[in-house]
């Protein structure tokens, strides 16, 4: 039988608050209130409470020490320290705004390339900042995989690909012919008008009308 001592979940907000503070240490250099208990692989504190497991420590701290926190909002760490629960270091923001703030504070990508100048690509939909060098390297690695090379070679050799190429060529030729005919018609109209004069053309259109 296991002899492990289990910590009973607090029964009210006051005991929960005391429990959180007991597992925190103040960093005098930054002012961060650092959670020293369990943290997940991303560095965020986790705790069990009221029969629920794996609850976010910084979200609990926000509700206890700052105020209400709707489930659809994220908590942004102004100090960029994920296990910090200092109330003045946290703000509630929309998920998209949280992503924008996180990306805006990055100066390099995870591989060390600068996120600035020509190397920076901003996704218009999400607002995220992306490294162009990493995107290019990813495309090159993806295209160089043996199975992708073989797949492209087999597809090019199929009748479906050849028929598609012929169809695209015919469509391109049709568009070119249409442009040429339109230009020829405009030139002929201009020539007729210059020879007959505008008055004659107006009388002609009057008779036809």
N, C-alpha and C. Protein backbone atom coordinates (compact mmCIF):
# COMPACT_ATOMS: atom_id res chain seq x y z
N UNK A 1 0.85 -1.20 0.00
CA UNK A 1 0.00 0.00 0.00
C UNK A 1 0.88 1.25 0.00
N UNK A 2 0.52 2.19 -0.82
CA UNK A 2 1.31 3.41 -0.92
C UNK A 2 1.20 4.24 0.35
N UNK A 3 2.34 4.79 0.79
CA UNK A 3 2.37 5.66 1.98
C UNK A 3 2.52 7.11 1.60
N UNK A 4 2.33 7.44 0.30
CA UNK A 4 2.50 8.82 -0.17
C UNK A 4 1.48 9.73 0.52
N UNK A 5 1.95 10.88 1.00
CA UNK A 5 1.09 11.85 1.66
C UNK A 5 0.43 12.73 0.61
N UNK A 6 -0.88 12.78 0.59
CA UNK A 6 -1.61 13.58 -0.38
C UNK A 6 -1.99 14.93 0.24
N UNK A 7 -1.86 16.00 -0.58
CA UNK A 7 -2.24 17.32 -0.11
C UNK A 7 -3.72 17.51 -0.39
N UNK A 8 -4.48 17.76 0.65
CA UNK A 8 -5.92 17.94 0.48
C UNK A 8 -6.20 19.25 -0.27
N UNK A 9 -7.14 19.21 -1.20
CA UNK A 9 -7.50 20.41 -1.96
C UNK A 9 -8.15 21.43 -1.04
N UNK A 10 -7.81 22.69 -1.18
CA UNK A 10 -8.42 23.74 -0.36
C UNK A 10 -9.93 23.77 -0.54
N UNK A 11 -10.62 24.18 0.48
CA UNK A 11 -12.08 24.20 0.43
C UNK A 11 -12.63 25.58 0.10
N UNK A 12 -11.79 26.62 0.11
CA UNK A 12 -12.28 27.95 -0.21
C UNK A 12 -11.16 28.77 -0.84
N UNK A 13 -11.52 29.98 -1.29
CA UNK A 13 -10.55 30.81 -1.99
C UNK A 13 -9.41 31.25 -1.08
N UNK A 14 -9.69 31.49 0.19
CA UNK A 14 -8.65 31.95 1.10
C UNK A 14 -7.56 30.88 1.28
N UNK A 15 -7.99 29.63 1.49
CA UNK A 15 -7.01 28.57 1.66
C UNK A 15 -6.25 28.32 0.37
N UNK A 16 -6.92 28.45 -0.77
CA UNK A 16 -6.24 28.29 -2.05
C UNK A 16 -5.20 29.38 -2.23
N UNK A 17 -5.57 30.61 -1.88
CA UNK A 17 -4.64 31.73 -1.99
C UNK A 17 -3.42 31.50 -1.12
N UNK A 18 -3.63 31.04 0.10
CA UNK A 18 -2.53 30.77 1.01
C UNK A 18 -1.64 29.65 0.48
N UNK A 19 -2.27 28.65 -0.12
CA UNK A 19 -1.51 27.53 -0.67
C UNK A 19 -0.63 27.98 -1.83
N UNK A 20 -1.18 28.82 -2.70
CA UNK A 20 -0.39 29.30 -3.83
C UNK A 20 0.79 30.14 -3.36
N UNK A 21 0.53 31.05 -2.43
CA UNK A 21 1.61 31.92 -1.93
C UNK A 21 2.70 31.11 -1.22
N UNK A 22 2.30 30.02 -0.54
CA UNK A 22 3.28 29.20 0.17
C UNK A 22 4.26 28.54 -0.78
N UNK A 23 3.85 28.31 -2.03
CA UNK A 23 4.71 27.65 -3.01
C UNK A 23 5.36 28.64 -3.96
N UNK A 24 5.36 29.92 -3.61
CA UNK A 24 5.96 30.95 -4.46
C UNK A 24 7.13 31.61 -3.76
N UNK A 25 8.06 32.10 -4.56
CA UNK A 25 9.23 32.82 -4.06
C UNK A 25 9.36 34.12 -4.85
N UNK A 26 9.62 35.21 -4.14
CA UNK A 26 9.78 36.52 -4.77
C UNK A 26 11.20 36.67 -5.32
N UNK A 27 11.31 37.11 -6.57
CA UNK A 27 12.61 37.42 -7.15
C UNK A 27 12.86 38.91 -6.94
N UNK A 28 13.81 39.29 -6.08
CA UNK A 28 14.01 40.71 -5.78
C UNK A 28 14.52 41.52 -6.96
N UNK A 29 15.16 40.86 -7.92
CA UNK A 29 15.71 41.58 -9.06
C UNK A 29 14.63 42.01 -10.05
N UNK A 30 13.63 41.15 -10.24
CA UNK A 30 12.60 41.42 -11.25
C UNK A 30 11.24 41.74 -10.65
N UNK A 31 11.04 41.39 -9.37
CA UNK A 31 9.74 41.57 -8.75
C UNK A 31 8.77 40.44 -9.05
N UNK A 32 9.21 39.43 -9.79
CA UNK A 32 8.34 38.30 -10.14
C UNK A 32 8.04 37.47 -8.90
N UNK A 33 6.82 36.98 -8.82
CA UNK A 33 6.42 36.03 -7.78
C UNK A 33 6.41 34.66 -8.45
N UNK A 34 7.47 33.89 -8.23
CA UNK A 34 7.71 32.68 -9.00
C UNK A 34 7.09 31.46 -8.34
N UNK A 35 6.30 30.73 -9.12
CA UNK A 35 5.70 29.47 -8.65
C UNK A 35 6.77 28.39 -8.67
N UNK A 36 7.02 27.76 -7.52
CA UNK A 36 8.07 26.76 -7.40
C UNK A 36 7.53 25.34 -7.37
N UNK A 37 6.22 25.20 -7.53
CA UNK A 37 5.62 23.87 -7.56
C UNK A 37 5.77 23.23 -8.93
N UNK A 38 4.88 22.29 -9.21
CA UNK A 38 4.96 21.54 -10.47
C UNK A 38 4.75 22.46 -11.66
N UNK A 39 5.55 22.25 -12.71
CA UNK A 39 5.41 22.99 -13.96
C UNK A 39 5.41 21.99 -15.12
N UNK A 40 4.63 22.31 -16.14
CA UNK A 40 4.60 21.42 -17.30
C UNK A 40 5.81 21.68 -18.20
N UNK A 41 5.87 20.98 -19.32
CA UNK A 41 7.05 21.08 -20.20
C UNK A 41 7.19 22.48 -20.79
N UNK A 42 6.10 23.23 -20.86
CA UNK A 42 6.16 24.60 -21.39
C UNK A 42 6.58 25.61 -20.33
N UNK A 43 6.69 25.17 -19.07
CA UNK A 43 7.13 26.07 -18.02
C UNK A 43 6.02 26.72 -17.22
N UNK A 44 4.75 26.37 -17.50
CA UNK A 44 3.63 26.95 -16.78
C UNK A 44 3.29 26.09 -15.55
N UNK A 45 2.98 26.78 -14.43
CA UNK A 45 2.63 26.08 -13.21
C UNK A 45 1.30 25.36 -13.31
N UNK A 46 1.22 24.19 -12.70
CA UNK A 46 -0.01 23.41 -12.69
C UNK A 46 -0.27 22.93 -11.26
N UNK A 47 -1.58 22.82 -10.92
CA UNK A 47 -1.95 22.42 -9.57
C UNK A 47 -3.31 21.74 -9.61
N UNK A 48 -3.58 20.91 -8.60
CA UNK A 48 -4.90 20.28 -8.45
C UNK A 48 -5.69 21.03 -7.39
N UNK A 49 -6.98 21.18 -7.64
CA UNK A 49 -7.81 21.92 -6.68
C UNK A 49 -9.27 21.52 -6.84
N UNK A 50 -9.94 21.28 -5.71
CA UNK A 50 -11.37 20.99 -5.74
C UNK A 50 -11.74 19.79 -6.56
N UNK A 51 -10.87 18.78 -6.57
CA UNK A 51 -11.15 17.58 -7.35
C UNK A 51 -10.76 17.69 -8.80
N UNK A 52 -10.28 18.85 -9.22
CA UNK A 52 -9.84 19.06 -10.60
C UNK A 52 -8.32 19.03 -10.65
N UNK A 53 -7.80 18.42 -11.70
CA UNK A 53 -6.35 18.29 -11.85
C UNK A 53 -5.84 19.15 -13.00
N UNK A 54 -4.55 19.42 -12.94
CA UNK A 54 -3.85 20.12 -14.02
C UNK A 54 -4.44 21.50 -14.30
N UNK A 55 -4.77 22.23 -13.24
CA UNK A 55 -5.28 23.59 -13.40
C UNK A 55 -4.13 24.57 -13.57
N UNK A 56 -4.35 25.60 -14.35
CA UNK A 56 -3.33 26.61 -14.61
C UNK A 56 -3.15 27.50 -13.38
N UNK A 57 -1.92 27.54 -12.85
CA UNK A 57 -1.66 28.32 -11.64
C UNK A 57 -1.82 29.81 -11.90
N UNK A 58 -1.32 30.30 -13.04
CA UNK A 58 -1.40 31.74 -13.27
C UNK A 58 -2.84 32.20 -13.52
N UNK A 59 -3.68 31.33 -14.07
CA UNK A 59 -5.09 31.71 -14.24
C UNK A 59 -5.81 31.73 -12.88
N UNK A 60 -5.49 30.75 -12.03
CA UNK A 60 -6.06 30.76 -10.68
C UNK A 60 -5.61 32.01 -9.91
N UNK A 61 -4.31 32.34 -10.03
CA UNK A 61 -3.78 33.51 -9.33
C UNK A 61 -4.44 34.79 -9.84
N UNK A 62 -4.70 34.85 -11.13
CA UNK A 62 -5.35 36.04 -11.68
C UNK A 62 -6.75 36.20 -11.08
N UNK A 63 -7.50 35.09 -11.04
CA UNK A 63 -8.87 35.16 -10.51
C UNK A 63 -8.85 35.52 -9.01
N UNK A 64 -7.87 35.03 -8.27
CA UNK A 64 -7.82 35.28 -6.83
C UNK A 64 -7.36 36.70 -6.50
N UNK A 65 -6.37 37.17 -7.22
CA UNK A 65 -5.69 38.41 -6.82
C UNK A 65 -5.93 39.59 -7.74
N UNK A 66 -6.53 39.37 -8.92
CA UNK A 66 -6.81 40.48 -9.84
C UNK A 66 -8.30 40.67 -10.04
N UNK A 67 -8.99 39.64 -10.49
CA UNK A 67 -10.42 39.75 -10.72
C UNK A 67 -10.92 38.64 -11.62
N UNK A 68 -12.14 38.82 -12.13
CA UNK A 68 -12.76 37.82 -12.99
C UNK A 68 -11.94 37.61 -14.26
N UNK A 69 -11.94 36.36 -14.74
CA UNK A 69 -11.21 36.02 -15.95
C UNK A 69 -12.09 35.12 -16.82
N UNK A 70 -12.76 35.69 -17.82
CA UNK A 70 -13.58 34.87 -18.72
C UNK A 70 -12.75 33.77 -19.38
N UNK A 71 -13.38 32.63 -19.61
CA UNK A 71 -12.65 31.48 -20.15
C UNK A 71 -12.07 31.75 -21.53
N UNK A 72 -12.69 32.68 -22.29
CA UNK A 72 -12.20 32.93 -23.65
C UNK A 72 -10.97 33.83 -23.69
N UNK A 73 -10.59 34.42 -22.55
CA UNK A 73 -9.43 35.30 -22.51
C UNK A 73 -8.18 34.55 -22.06
N UNK A 74 -7.02 35.00 -22.54
CA UNK A 74 -5.74 34.47 -22.13
C UNK A 74 -5.09 35.42 -21.13
N UNK A 75 -4.14 34.89 -20.36
CA UNK A 75 -3.36 35.73 -19.44
C UNK A 75 -1.99 35.95 -20.07
N UNK A 76 -1.69 37.21 -20.34
CA UNK A 76 -0.39 37.58 -20.92
C UNK A 76 0.56 37.97 -19.79
N UNK A 77 1.77 37.39 -19.81
CA UNK A 77 2.79 37.74 -18.82
C UNK A 77 3.60 38.92 -19.35
N UNK A 78 3.46 40.06 -18.72
CA UNK A 78 4.22 41.24 -19.12
C UNK A 78 5.71 41.05 -18.90
N UNK A 79 6.07 40.23 -17.91
CA UNK A 79 7.48 39.99 -17.59
C UNK A 79 8.09 38.89 -18.46
N UNK A 80 7.27 38.17 -19.22
CA UNK A 80 7.69 37.06 -20.07
C UNK A 80 8.20 35.86 -19.27
N UNK A 81 7.88 35.78 -17.98
CA UNK A 81 8.27 34.63 -17.15
C UNK A 81 7.03 33.77 -16.93
N UNK A 82 7.02 32.58 -17.45
CA UNK A 82 5.81 31.77 -17.50
C UNK A 82 5.34 31.27 -16.14
N UNK A 83 6.24 31.10 -15.18
CA UNK A 83 5.82 30.63 -13.87
C UNK A 83 5.66 31.78 -12.88
N UNK A 84 5.56 33.01 -13.39
CA UNK A 84 5.32 34.16 -12.53
C UNK A 84 3.82 34.34 -12.30
N UNK A 85 3.45 34.60 -11.03
CA UNK A 85 2.04 34.83 -10.70
C UNK A 85 1.85 36.18 -10.01
N UNK A 86 2.82 37.07 -10.19
CA UNK A 86 2.69 38.42 -9.63
C UNK A 86 1.51 39.12 -10.31
N UNK A 87 0.53 39.61 -9.52
CA UNK A 87 -0.67 40.22 -10.12
C UNK A 87 -0.38 41.36 -11.08
N UNK A 88 0.61 42.19 -10.77
CA UNK A 88 0.90 43.35 -11.64
C UNK A 88 1.65 42.95 -12.90
N UNK A 89 2.05 41.69 -13.01
CA UNK A 89 2.77 41.21 -14.19
C UNK A 89 1.84 40.47 -15.16
N UNK A 90 0.54 40.44 -14.83
CA UNK A 90 -0.40 39.69 -15.67
C UNK A 90 -1.50 40.60 -16.19
N UNK A 91 -1.93 40.34 -17.44
CA UNK A 91 -3.06 41.06 -18.00
C UNK A 91 -3.90 40.11 -18.84
N UNK A 92 -5.21 40.31 -18.82
CA UNK A 92 -6.13 39.47 -19.59
C UNK A 92 -6.29 40.05 -20.98
N UNK A 93 -6.08 39.24 -22.01
CA UNK A 93 -6.16 39.70 -23.40
C UNK A 93 -6.87 38.66 -24.25
N UNK A 94 -7.31 39.09 -25.43
CA UNK A 94 -7.88 38.16 -26.40
C UNK A 94 -6.78 37.21 -26.90
N UNK A 95 -7.14 35.98 -27.29
CA UNK A 95 -6.13 35.03 -27.77
C UNK A 95 -5.27 35.57 -28.91
N UNK A 96 -5.91 36.24 -29.87
CA UNK A 96 -5.14 36.77 -31.00
C UNK A 96 -4.18 37.86 -30.55
N UNK A 97 -4.64 38.70 -29.61
CA UNK A 97 -3.77 39.75 -29.08
C UNK A 97 -2.61 39.15 -28.31
N UNK A 98 -2.86 38.05 -27.61
CA UNK A 98 -1.80 37.38 -26.87
C UNK A 98 -0.72 36.87 -27.81
N UNK A 99 -1.14 36.27 -28.92
CA UNK A 99 -0.18 35.79 -29.93
C UNK A 99 0.61 36.95 -30.50
N UNK A 100 -0.09 38.05 -30.78
CA UNK A 100 0.60 39.22 -31.36
C UNK A 100 1.64 39.78 -30.40
N UNK A 101 1.28 39.86 -29.12
CA UNK A 101 2.21 40.39 -28.12
C UNK A 101 3.43 39.49 -27.95
N UNK A 102 3.18 38.19 -27.91
CA UNK A 102 4.29 37.24 -27.76
C UNK A 102 5.25 37.35 -28.93
N UNK A 103 4.70 37.40 -30.14
CA UNK A 103 5.54 37.49 -31.34
C UNK A 103 6.23 38.83 -31.45
N UNK A 104 5.55 39.89 -31.03
CA UNK A 104 6.13 41.23 -31.13
C UNK A 104 7.37 41.38 -30.25
N UNK A 105 7.44 40.60 -29.17
CA UNK A 105 8.58 40.70 -28.26
C UNK A 105 9.77 39.86 -28.71
N UNK A 106 9.59 39.04 -29.72
CA UNK A 106 10.69 38.21 -30.21
C UNK A 106 11.59 39.01 -31.15
N UNK A 107 12.88 38.89 -30.97
CA UNK A 107 13.83 39.55 -31.86
C UNK A 107 14.50 38.57 -32.81
N UNK A 108 14.48 37.28 -32.46
CA UNK A 108 15.03 36.24 -33.32
C UNK A 108 14.09 35.04 -33.31
N UNK A 109 14.19 34.20 -34.33
CA UNK A 109 13.41 32.96 -34.36
C UNK A 109 14.12 31.92 -33.49
N UNK A 110 13.56 30.73 -33.39
CA UNK A 110 14.15 29.70 -32.51
C UNK A 110 15.49 29.18 -33.04
N UNK A 111 15.80 29.49 -34.30
CA UNK A 111 17.10 29.10 -34.85
C UNK A 111 18.09 30.25 -34.88
N UNK A 112 17.70 31.37 -34.31
CA UNK A 112 18.63 32.50 -34.18
C UNK A 112 18.63 33.49 -35.32
N UNK A 113 17.74 33.32 -36.32
CA UNK A 113 17.67 34.29 -37.42
C UNK A 113 16.94 35.54 -36.96
N UNK A 114 17.36 36.71 -37.40
CA UNK A 114 16.70 37.96 -36.95
C UNK A 114 15.28 38.08 -37.49
N UNK A 115 14.38 38.51 -36.63
CA UNK A 115 12.99 38.76 -37.05
C UNK A 115 12.84 40.25 -37.34
N UNK A 116 13.47 40.68 -38.40
CA UNK A 116 13.44 42.09 -38.78
C UNK A 116 13.82 42.22 -40.26
N UNK A 117 13.53 43.40 -40.82
CA UNK A 117 13.92 43.68 -42.20
C UNK A 117 13.31 42.72 -43.21
N UNK A 118 14.11 42.36 -44.21
CA UNK A 118 13.63 41.48 -45.28
C UNK A 118 13.40 40.05 -44.82
N UNK A 119 13.95 39.69 -43.67
CA UNK A 119 13.81 38.32 -43.18
C UNK A 119 12.51 38.12 -42.40
N UNK A 120 11.74 39.19 -42.21
CA UNK A 120 10.51 39.10 -41.42
C UNK A 120 9.28 39.04 -42.34
N UNK A 121 8.44 38.03 -42.10
CA UNK A 121 7.16 37.91 -42.81
C UNK A 121 6.04 37.96 -41.77
N UNK A 122 5.06 38.83 -41.96
CA UNK A 122 3.94 38.95 -41.03
C UNK A 122 2.70 38.33 -41.65
N UNK A 123 2.16 37.32 -40.99
CA UNK A 123 0.95 36.66 -41.45
C UNK A 123 -0.24 37.60 -41.29
N UNK A 124 -0.88 37.95 -42.40
CA UNK A 124 -1.98 38.93 -42.36
C UNK A 124 -3.17 38.42 -41.57
N UNK A 125 -3.39 37.10 -41.57
CA UNK A 125 -4.57 36.55 -40.90
C UNK A 125 -4.40 36.50 -39.39
N UNK A 126 -3.23 36.00 -38.93
CA UNK A 126 -3.02 35.82 -37.50
C UNK A 126 -2.18 36.91 -36.85
N UNK A 127 -1.44 37.66 -37.68
CA UNK A 127 -0.56 38.69 -37.13
C UNK A 127 0.76 38.14 -36.63
N UNK A 128 1.00 36.84 -36.79
CA UNK A 128 2.24 36.24 -36.31
C UNK A 128 3.42 36.65 -37.19
N UNK A 129 4.60 36.74 -36.58
CA UNK A 129 5.82 37.12 -37.27
C UNK A 129 6.62 35.85 -37.57
N UNK A 130 6.96 35.66 -38.84
CA UNK A 130 7.57 34.42 -39.30
C UNK A 130 8.92 34.71 -39.93
N UNK A 131 9.87 33.81 -39.70
CA UNK A 131 11.21 33.92 -40.26
C UNK A 131 11.22 33.41 -41.71
N UNK A 132 11.60 34.27 -42.65
CA UNK A 132 11.62 33.86 -44.07
C UNK A 132 12.72 32.82 -44.33
N UNK A 133 13.85 32.93 -43.65
CA UNK A 133 14.93 31.97 -43.85
C UNK A 133 14.48 30.57 -43.46
N UNK A 134 13.80 30.46 -42.33
CA UNK A 134 13.29 29.15 -41.88
C UNK A 134 12.24 28.61 -42.84
N UNK A 135 11.37 29.49 -43.34
CA UNK A 135 10.35 29.05 -44.31
C UNK A 135 11.01 28.50 -45.56
N UNK A 136 12.05 29.19 -46.06
CA UNK A 136 12.75 28.74 -47.27
C UNK A 136 13.43 27.41 -47.04
N UNK A 137 14.12 27.27 -45.89
CA UNK A 137 14.80 26.02 -45.59
C UNK A 137 13.81 24.87 -45.44
N UNK A 138 12.65 25.16 -44.85
CA UNK A 138 11.63 24.11 -44.70
C UNK A 138 11.13 23.65 -46.07
N UNK A 139 10.85 24.60 -46.96
CA UNK A 139 10.39 24.22 -48.31
C UNK A 139 11.44 23.39 -49.03
N UNK A 140 12.71 23.78 -48.90
CA UNK A 140 13.78 23.05 -49.58
C UNK A 140 13.91 21.63 -49.03
N UNK A 141 13.82 21.49 -47.69
CA UNK A 141 13.90 20.14 -47.11
C UNK A 141 12.71 19.29 -47.54
N UNK A 142 11.54 19.92 -47.58
CA UNK A 142 10.33 19.17 -47.96
C UNK A 142 10.42 18.71 -49.42
N UNK A 143 10.88 19.63 -50.29
CA UNK A 143 10.95 19.29 -51.72
C UNK A 143 12.04 18.27 -52.01
N UNK A 144 13.08 18.21 -51.16
CA UNK A 144 14.21 17.32 -51.41
C UNK A 144 14.00 15.91 -50.88
N UNK A 145 12.89 15.66 -50.18
CA UNK A 145 12.67 14.32 -49.65
C UNK A 145 12.49 13.33 -50.80
N UNK A 146 13.13 12.16 -50.74
CA UNK A 146 13.08 11.19 -51.85
C UNK A 146 11.67 10.83 -52.27
N UNK A 147 10.77 10.64 -51.29
CA UNK A 147 9.41 10.23 -51.66
C UNK A 147 8.68 11.34 -52.42
N UNK A 148 9.00 12.62 -52.10
CA UNK A 148 8.37 13.72 -52.81
C UNK A 148 8.90 13.83 -54.23
N UNK A 149 10.19 13.61 -54.39
CA UNK A 149 10.77 13.65 -55.74
C UNK A 149 10.17 12.54 -56.60
N UNK A 150 10.07 11.33 -56.04
CA UNK A 150 9.50 10.21 -56.78
C UNK A 150 8.03 10.45 -57.11
N UNK A 151 7.31 11.06 -56.17
CA UNK A 151 5.89 11.31 -56.39
C UNK A 151 5.69 12.31 -57.52
N UNK A 152 6.51 13.38 -57.52
CA UNK A 152 6.38 14.36 -58.60
C UNK A 152 6.73 13.75 -59.95
N UNK A 153 7.76 12.92 -59.99
CA UNK A 153 8.17 12.29 -61.25
C UNK A 153 7.07 11.38 -61.79
N UNK A 154 6.44 10.61 -60.90
CA UNK A 154 5.38 9.70 -61.35
C UNK A 154 4.15 10.49 -61.81
N UNK A 155 3.87 11.62 -61.15
CA UNK A 155 2.70 12.40 -61.53
C UNK A 155 2.90 13.06 -62.89
N UNK A 156 4.10 13.59 -63.12
CA UNK A 156 4.39 14.25 -64.40
C UNK A 156 4.24 13.26 -65.54
N UNK A 157 4.55 12.01 -65.28
CA UNK A 157 4.51 10.99 -66.34
C UNK A 157 3.10 10.50 -66.64
N UNK A 158 2.15 10.86 -65.88
CA UNK A 158 0.81 10.34 -66.11
C UNK A 158 0.09 11.09 -67.23
N UNK A 159 -0.89 10.42 -67.81
CA UNK A 159 -1.69 11.02 -68.87
C UNK A 159 -2.50 12.19 -68.33
N UNK A 160 -2.89 12.10 -67.05
CA UNK A 160 -3.66 13.18 -66.46
C UNK A 160 -2.87 14.49 -66.47
N UNK A 161 -1.59 14.38 -66.15
CA UNK A 161 -0.76 15.59 -66.15
C UNK A 161 -0.60 16.12 -67.57
N UNK A 162 -0.36 15.20 -68.53
CA UNK A 162 -0.17 15.65 -69.91
C UNK A 162 -1.43 16.29 -70.46
N UNK A 163 -2.61 15.73 -70.14
CA UNK A 163 -3.86 16.32 -70.61
C UNK A 163 -4.08 17.68 -69.97
N UNK A 164 -3.75 17.81 -68.71
CA UNK A 164 -3.87 19.11 -68.05
C UNK A 164 -2.97 20.14 -68.68
N UNK A 165 -1.76 19.74 -69.06
CA UNK A 165 -0.83 20.67 -69.70
C UNK A 165 -1.36 21.11 -71.06
N UNK A 166 -1.93 20.16 -71.81
CA UNK A 166 -2.50 20.53 -73.12
C UNK A 166 -3.68 21.46 -72.95
N UNK A 167 -4.52 21.21 -71.94
CA UNK A 167 -5.68 22.06 -71.69
C UNK A 167 -5.26 23.48 -71.32
N UNK A 168 -4.25 23.60 -70.50
CA UNK A 168 -3.76 24.93 -70.12
C UNK A 168 -3.17 25.66 -71.32
N UNK A 169 -2.47 24.92 -72.19
CA UNK A 169 -1.89 25.53 -73.38
C UNK A 169 -2.97 26.04 -74.33
N UNK A 170 -4.06 25.24 -74.52
CA UNK A 170 -5.16 25.67 -75.38
C UNK A 170 -5.85 26.91 -74.82
N UNK A 171 -6.06 26.93 -73.51
CA UNK A 171 -6.70 28.09 -72.89
C UNK A 171 -5.85 29.34 -73.05
N UNK A 172 -4.55 29.18 -72.92
CA UNK A 172 -3.64 30.32 -73.09
C UNK A 172 -3.69 30.83 -74.53
N UNK A 173 -3.72 29.89 -75.52
CA UNK A 173 -3.79 30.28 -76.93
C UNK A 173 -5.11 30.97 -77.24
N UNK A 174 -6.21 30.50 -76.65
CA UNK A 174 -7.52 31.12 -76.87
C UNK A 174 -7.54 32.54 -76.33
N UNK A 175 -6.97 32.75 -75.15
CA UNK A 175 -6.95 34.10 -74.60
C UNK A 175 -6.10 35.04 -75.45
N UNK A 176 -4.99 34.52 -75.98
CA UNK A 176 -4.13 35.35 -76.84
C UNK A 176 -4.86 35.71 -78.12
N UNK A 177 -5.58 34.73 -78.72
CA UNK A 177 -6.33 34.99 -79.96
C UNK A 177 -7.44 36.01 -79.71
N UNK A 178 -8.10 35.92 -78.56
CA UNK A 178 -9.16 36.87 -78.23
C UNK A 178 -8.61 38.29 -78.10
N UNK A 179 -7.46 38.43 -77.47
CA UNK A 179 -6.85 39.76 -77.36
C UNK A 179 -6.47 40.31 -78.72
N UNK A 180 -5.94 39.47 -79.59
CA UNK A 180 -5.56 39.92 -80.94
C UNK A 180 -6.78 40.36 -81.74
N UNK A 181 -7.87 39.60 -81.67
CA UNK A 181 -9.09 39.95 -82.41
C UNK A 181 -9.69 41.25 -81.88
N UNK A 182 -9.65 41.43 -80.55
CA UNK A 182 -10.17 42.66 -79.98
C UNK A 182 -9.35 43.87 -80.44
N UNK A 183 -8.03 43.70 -80.47
CA UNK A 183 -7.17 44.79 -80.92
C UNK A 183 -7.40 45.09 -82.39
N UNK A 184 -7.60 44.04 -83.22
CA UNK A 184 -7.86 44.23 -84.64
C UNK A 184 -9.18 44.96 -84.88
N UNK A 185 -10.22 44.58 -84.12
CA UNK A 185 -11.51 45.24 -84.26
C UNK A 185 -11.42 46.71 -83.90
N UNK A 186 -10.72 47.03 -82.83
CA UNK A 186 -10.58 48.43 -82.43
C UNK A 186 -9.82 49.22 -83.49
N UNK A 187 -8.80 48.60 -84.09
CA UNK A 187 -8.03 49.29 -85.13
C UNK A 187 -8.89 49.55 -86.37
N UNK A 188 -9.72 48.56 -86.77
CA UNK A 188 -10.59 48.73 -87.94
C UNK A 188 -11.62 49.82 -87.70
N UNK A 189 -12.21 49.85 -86.50
CA UNK A 189 -13.18 50.89 -86.19
C UNK A 189 -12.54 52.27 -86.26
N UNK A 190 -11.34 52.38 -85.74
CA UNK A 190 -10.65 53.65 -85.78
C UNK A 190 -10.36 54.09 -87.21
N UNK A 191 -9.99 53.10 -88.06
CA UNK A 191 -9.68 53.42 -89.45
C UNK A 191 -10.93 53.88 -90.21
N UNK A 192 -12.06 53.18 -89.99
CA UNK A 192 -13.31 53.55 -90.68
C UNK A 192 -13.76 54.94 -90.26
N UNK A 193 -13.67 55.22 -88.97
CA UNK A 193 -14.10 56.53 -88.48
C UNK A 193 -13.23 57.64 -89.08
N UNK A 194 -11.93 57.38 -89.18
CA UNK A 194 -11.03 58.41 -89.72
C UNK A 194 -11.30 58.66 -91.20
N UNK A 195 -11.73 57.61 -91.95
CA UNK A 195 -11.99 57.78 -93.39
C UNK A 195 -13.34 58.40 -93.66
N UNK A 196 -14.37 58.00 -92.93
CA UNK A 196 -15.71 58.49 -93.20
C UNK A 196 -16.01 59.79 -92.46
N UNK A 197 -15.37 60.00 -91.33
CA UNK A 197 -15.68 61.19 -90.54
C UNK A 197 -16.76 60.88 -89.51
N UNK A 198 -16.77 61.65 -88.48
CA UNK A 198 -17.71 61.39 -87.40
C UNK A 198 -19.15 61.66 -87.83
N UNK A 199 -19.36 62.66 -88.70
CA UNK A 199 -20.72 62.98 -89.16
C UNK A 199 -21.34 61.83 -89.91
N UNK A 200 -20.56 61.22 -90.82
CA UNK A 200 -21.08 60.10 -91.60
C UNK A 200 -21.39 58.91 -90.71
N UNK A 201 -20.55 58.68 -89.73
CA UNK A 201 -20.78 57.56 -88.83
C UNK A 201 -22.04 57.79 -88.00
N UNK A 202 -22.27 59.03 -87.57
CA UNK A 202 -23.47 59.33 -86.79
C UNK A 202 -24.72 59.12 -87.65
N UNK A 203 -24.65 59.53 -88.97
CA UNK A 203 -25.82 59.32 -89.83
C UNK A 203 -26.05 57.83 -90.07
N UNK A 204 -24.93 57.08 -90.22
CA UNK A 204 -25.05 55.65 -90.44
C UNK A 204 -25.72 54.96 -89.25
N UNK A 205 -25.26 55.28 -88.06
CA UNK A 205 -25.85 54.68 -86.87
C UNK A 205 -27.30 55.12 -86.68
N UNK A 206 -27.65 56.34 -87.14
CA UNK A 206 -29.02 56.81 -87.06
C UNK A 206 -29.93 56.00 -87.96
N UNK A 207 -29.42 55.65 -89.17
CA UNK A 207 -30.23 54.82 -90.09
C UNK A 207 -30.39 53.42 -89.52
N UNK A 208 -29.27 52.86 -88.99
CA UNK A 208 -29.35 51.50 -88.44
C UNK A 208 -30.24 51.44 -87.23
N UNK A 209 -30.26 52.58 -86.44
CA UNK A 209 -31.09 52.57 -85.25
C UNK A 209 -32.56 52.62 -85.62
